[in-house]
Protein backbone atom coordinates (compact mmCIF):
# COMPACT_ATOMS: atom_id res chain seq x y z
CA MET A 1 85.64 89.56 127.28
CA VAL A 2 87.38 86.73 125.48
CA ALA A 3 84.98 84.14 124.11
CA ASP A 4 85.14 80.77 122.40
CA SER A 5 87.41 78.89 124.84
CA PRO A 6 89.65 77.11 124.26
CA ARG A 7 91.30 79.39 121.71
CA ILE A 8 94.36 78.72 119.61
CA GLY A 9 96.23 81.82 118.52
CA SER A 10 98.66 82.37 115.68
CA HIS A 11 101.79 80.22 115.53
CA THR A 12 104.18 83.17 115.27
CA ALA A 13 104.28 86.83 116.20
CA SER A 14 105.17 87.73 112.61
CA GLU A 15 101.73 86.52 111.49
CA ILE A 16 100.17 89.05 113.86
CA TYR A 17 102.52 91.84 112.76
CA SER A 18 101.80 91.18 109.09
CA ALA A 19 98.03 91.10 109.62
CA VAL A 20 98.10 94.31 111.68
CA GLY A 21 100.07 96.11 108.97
CA MET A 22 97.69 94.99 106.24
CA ALA A 23 94.61 95.85 108.32
CA LEU A 24 95.79 99.39 109.03
CA SER A 25 96.83 99.91 105.41
CA TRP A 26 93.44 98.75 104.13
CA TRP A 27 91.71 100.92 106.73
CA GLU A 28 93.63 103.98 105.55
CA SER A 29 92.70 103.07 101.99
CA SER A 30 89.02 103.01 102.99
CA GLU A 31 89.42 106.45 104.61
CA ASP A 32 90.97 107.70 101.37
CA MET A 33 87.99 106.39 99.38
CA LEU A 34 85.63 108.16 101.81
CA LEU A 35 87.54 111.40 101.29
CA GLY A 36 87.33 110.95 97.51
CA LEU A 37 83.58 110.40 97.75
CA PHE A 38 83.16 113.45 99.96
CA LYS A 39 85.22 115.62 97.61
CA SER A 40 83.12 114.44 94.67
CA LEU A 41 79.92 115.38 96.50
CA ASN A 42 81.42 118.79 97.36
CA ASP A 43 83.19 119.56 94.11
CA SER A 44 82.20 123.24 94.26
CA ASN A 45 82.84 123.71 98.00
CA PRO A 46 86.59 123.45 98.76
CA ASP A 47 86.15 125.02 102.21
CA ARG A 48 83.80 122.23 103.23
CA VAL A 49 86.36 119.68 102.02
CA LYS A 50 89.02 121.35 104.18
CA SER A 51 86.70 121.15 107.18
CA TYR A 52 86.11 117.46 106.49
CA ILE A 53 89.85 116.75 106.39
CA LYS A 54 90.43 118.50 109.73
CA ALA A 55 87.44 116.92 111.50
CA THR A 56 87.36 113.86 113.76
CA ARG A 57 86.11 110.63 112.24
CA ASN A 58 82.70 110.92 113.92
CA VAL A 59 82.20 114.41 112.51
CA ARG A 60 83.40 113.29 109.07
CA SER A 61 80.86 110.47 109.15
CA GLN A 62 78.06 112.90 109.99
CA MET A 63 79.14 115.27 107.22
CA LEU A 64 79.24 112.46 104.66
CA ASP A 65 75.84 111.13 105.76
CA LYS A 66 74.33 114.60 105.35
CA ASP A 67 75.89 115.10 101.94
CA LEU A 68 74.84 111.66 100.75
CA ILE A 69 71.23 112.58 101.46
CA SER A 70 71.44 116.04 99.89
CA GLY A 71 73.65 114.84 97.04
CA SER A 72 71.67 111.73 96.24
CA ASN A 73 70.80 113.10 92.78
CA PHE A 74 74.03 111.38 91.78
CA PHE A 75 72.57 108.00 92.76
CA ASN A 76 69.37 106.04 92.41
CA PRO A 77 67.56 105.04 95.65
CA GLY A 78 68.92 101.49 95.61
CA GLU A 79 72.47 102.78 95.33
CA VAL A 80 71.92 105.20 98.21
CA ARG A 81 70.75 102.32 100.41
CA LYS A 82 73.71 100.17 99.40
CA LEU A 83 76.18 102.98 100.04
CA GLN A 84 74.58 103.92 103.37
CA HIS A 85 74.83 100.29 104.49
CA ALA A 86 78.54 100.29 103.64
CA LEU A 87 79.09 103.58 105.52
CA ASP A 88 77.21 102.28 108.58
CA SER A 89 79.20 99.04 108.48
CA LEU A 90 82.48 100.96 108.39
CA LYS A 91 81.35 102.94 111.43
CA ASP A 92 80.64 99.67 113.23
CA MET A 93 84.19 98.52 112.47
CA VAL A 94 85.89 101.50 114.15
CA THR A 95 86.17 99.81 117.56
CA ARG A 96 87.88 96.77 116.08
CA ARG A 97 90.16 99.02 114.01
CA ASN A 98 91.20 100.85 117.19
CA GLN A 99 91.91 97.54 118.91
CA ILE A 100 94.12 96.49 116.02
CA SER A 101 95.84 99.86 116.02
CA HIS A 102 96.56 99.96 119.75
CA GLY A 103 96.97 96.32 120.74
CA HIS A 104 100.26 94.56 121.30
CA CYS A 105 101.33 91.04 120.43
CA SER A 106 101.75 88.49 123.22
CA ASN A 107 102.40 84.78 123.36
CA LEU A 108 99.71 83.59 125.76
CA ASN A 109 99.36 80.26 127.52
CA PHE A 110 96.42 80.38 129.92
CA SER A 111 94.72 77.51 131.70
CA GLU A 112 91.84 77.37 134.13
CA ASN A 113 91.46 74.47 136.53
CA GLY A 114 94.22 72.67 134.66
CA ILE A 115 92.46 73.03 131.30
CA ALA A 116 94.10 75.09 128.53
CA VAL A 117 91.86 77.97 127.45
CA MET A 118 94.26 80.04 125.34
CA SER A 119 97.49 79.20 123.59
CA GLY A 120 99.48 81.05 120.95
CA HIS A 121 100.13 84.57 119.76
CA PHE A 122 97.35 87.13 120.12
CA LEU A 123 96.94 90.87 119.77
CA VAL A 124 95.74 92.02 123.20
CA PRO A 125 95.23 95.30 125.13
CA ALA A 126 98.17 97.07 126.69
CA TYR A 127 99.82 95.08 129.49
CA ASN A 128 99.19 97.74 132.14
CA GLU A 129 95.46 97.78 131.42
CA LEU A 130 95.08 94.28 132.81
CA GLY A 131 98.31 93.62 134.67
CA PRO A 132 99.65 90.12 135.31
CA SER A 133 96.20 88.54 135.46
CA ASP A 134 95.44 84.99 134.46
CA ARG A 135 91.76 85.85 133.87
CA THR A 136 91.17 85.61 130.15
CA ASP A 137 87.59 86.80 130.60
CA GLU A 138 88.91 90.19 131.76
CA MET A 139 90.51 90.98 128.41
CA ARG A 140 88.58 93.34 126.15
CA PHE A 141 89.93 91.56 123.09
CA ALA A 142 92.40 88.91 122.02
CA LEU A 143 92.82 88.69 118.25
CA SER A 144 94.66 86.07 116.25
CA ALA A 145 95.97 86.76 112.76
CA ASP A 146 92.90 84.91 111.44
CA ASP A 147 90.62 87.33 113.34
CA ILE A 148 92.45 90.32 111.88
CA ASN A 149 92.39 88.84 108.38
CA GLU A 150 88.62 88.40 108.68
CA PHE A 151 88.39 92.09 109.60
CA ILE A 152 90.34 92.89 106.42
CA ARG A 153 88.06 90.71 104.29
CA VAL A 154 84.90 92.49 105.50
CA LEU A 155 86.55 95.91 105.34
CA ARG A 156 87.49 95.41 101.70
CA ILE A 157 83.87 94.60 100.80
CA HIS A 158 82.57 97.87 102.24
CA ARG A 159 85.52 99.85 100.88
CA GLY A 160 84.67 98.42 97.45
CA VAL A 161 81.14 99.83 97.62
CA VAL A 162 82.49 103.28 98.53
CA MET A 163 85.04 103.06 95.71
CA ASP A 164 82.32 102.11 93.21
CA ALA A 165 80.22 105.07 94.34
CA TYR A 166 83.18 107.43 94.08
CA HIS A 167 83.95 106.26 90.54
CA ALA A 168 80.27 106.41 89.57
CA ILE A 169 80.06 110.08 90.58
CA MET A 170 83.11 110.95 88.49
CA MET A 171 81.79 109.16 85.43
CA ARG A 172 78.25 110.50 85.75
CA ALA A 173 79.51 114.04 86.30
CA GLN A 174 81.68 113.77 83.20
CA ASP A 175 78.72 112.54 81.16
CA ALA A 176 76.62 115.45 82.47
CA ARG A 177 79.29 117.93 81.34
CA LEU A 178 79.46 116.32 77.90
CA ARG A 179 75.69 116.44 77.50
CA ALA A 180 75.67 120.11 78.56
CA GLU A 181 78.18 120.75 75.79
CA GLY A 182 75.99 118.89 73.29
CA ARG A 183 78.46 116.02 73.04
CA GLU A 184 77.91 112.28 73.28
CA PRO A 185 78.25 110.95 76.84
CA ILE A 186 80.89 108.27 77.38
CA TYR A 187 79.48 106.17 80.19
CA SER A 188 75.69 106.45 80.09
CA HIS A 189 73.81 103.56 78.57
CA ASN A 190 70.76 104.02 76.34
CA GLY A 191 70.71 107.74 77.05
CA GLY A 192 69.81 107.09 80.68
CA ARG A 193 70.60 109.48 83.50
CA PHE A 194 72.66 107.01 85.46
CA TRP A 195 75.68 104.98 84.59
CA GLU A 196 75.38 101.26 85.30
CA PRO A 197 74.31 100.74 88.94
CA PHE A 198 77.17 99.88 91.26
């Protein structure tokens, strides 16, 4: 369902193509950060990491949720809540990611009762899903480059939280090894268990 009529799309198709490429690249970067986090939580279980890599995204999400709970000794409770919020938000973005991944760019000029309701370049569902309809309310989505860039902006925020958590585990694990060897930790402050909260 397309909302917010009348809508003005992007001026050129290249704006859509550029935004799609950036969105998918940033999405893959977020998936890479999730894999890094999972590997850090399963440092001593390479078989579980292999299972994670082969699994569907829904299964990977469930595995990471489970490990975050059982591996929360790496994080304080506030960090667990912050990280879980980021993970849940990324799950909520999957539908939009799939739209961006599978849409195609069209130059649309729709009017209803002589009034323009859509004009410009949009990323829309496959042509054969809708056919030659002039009903904009039958489209599942119609995204301008601005819409896709907003997706990227939000995605990068949640990816940043995952990246901070991933780096925190590495630094805290290194400090734990140094302490076990009777050496001075590098990252801990004031002898505390946790590195600075992320």
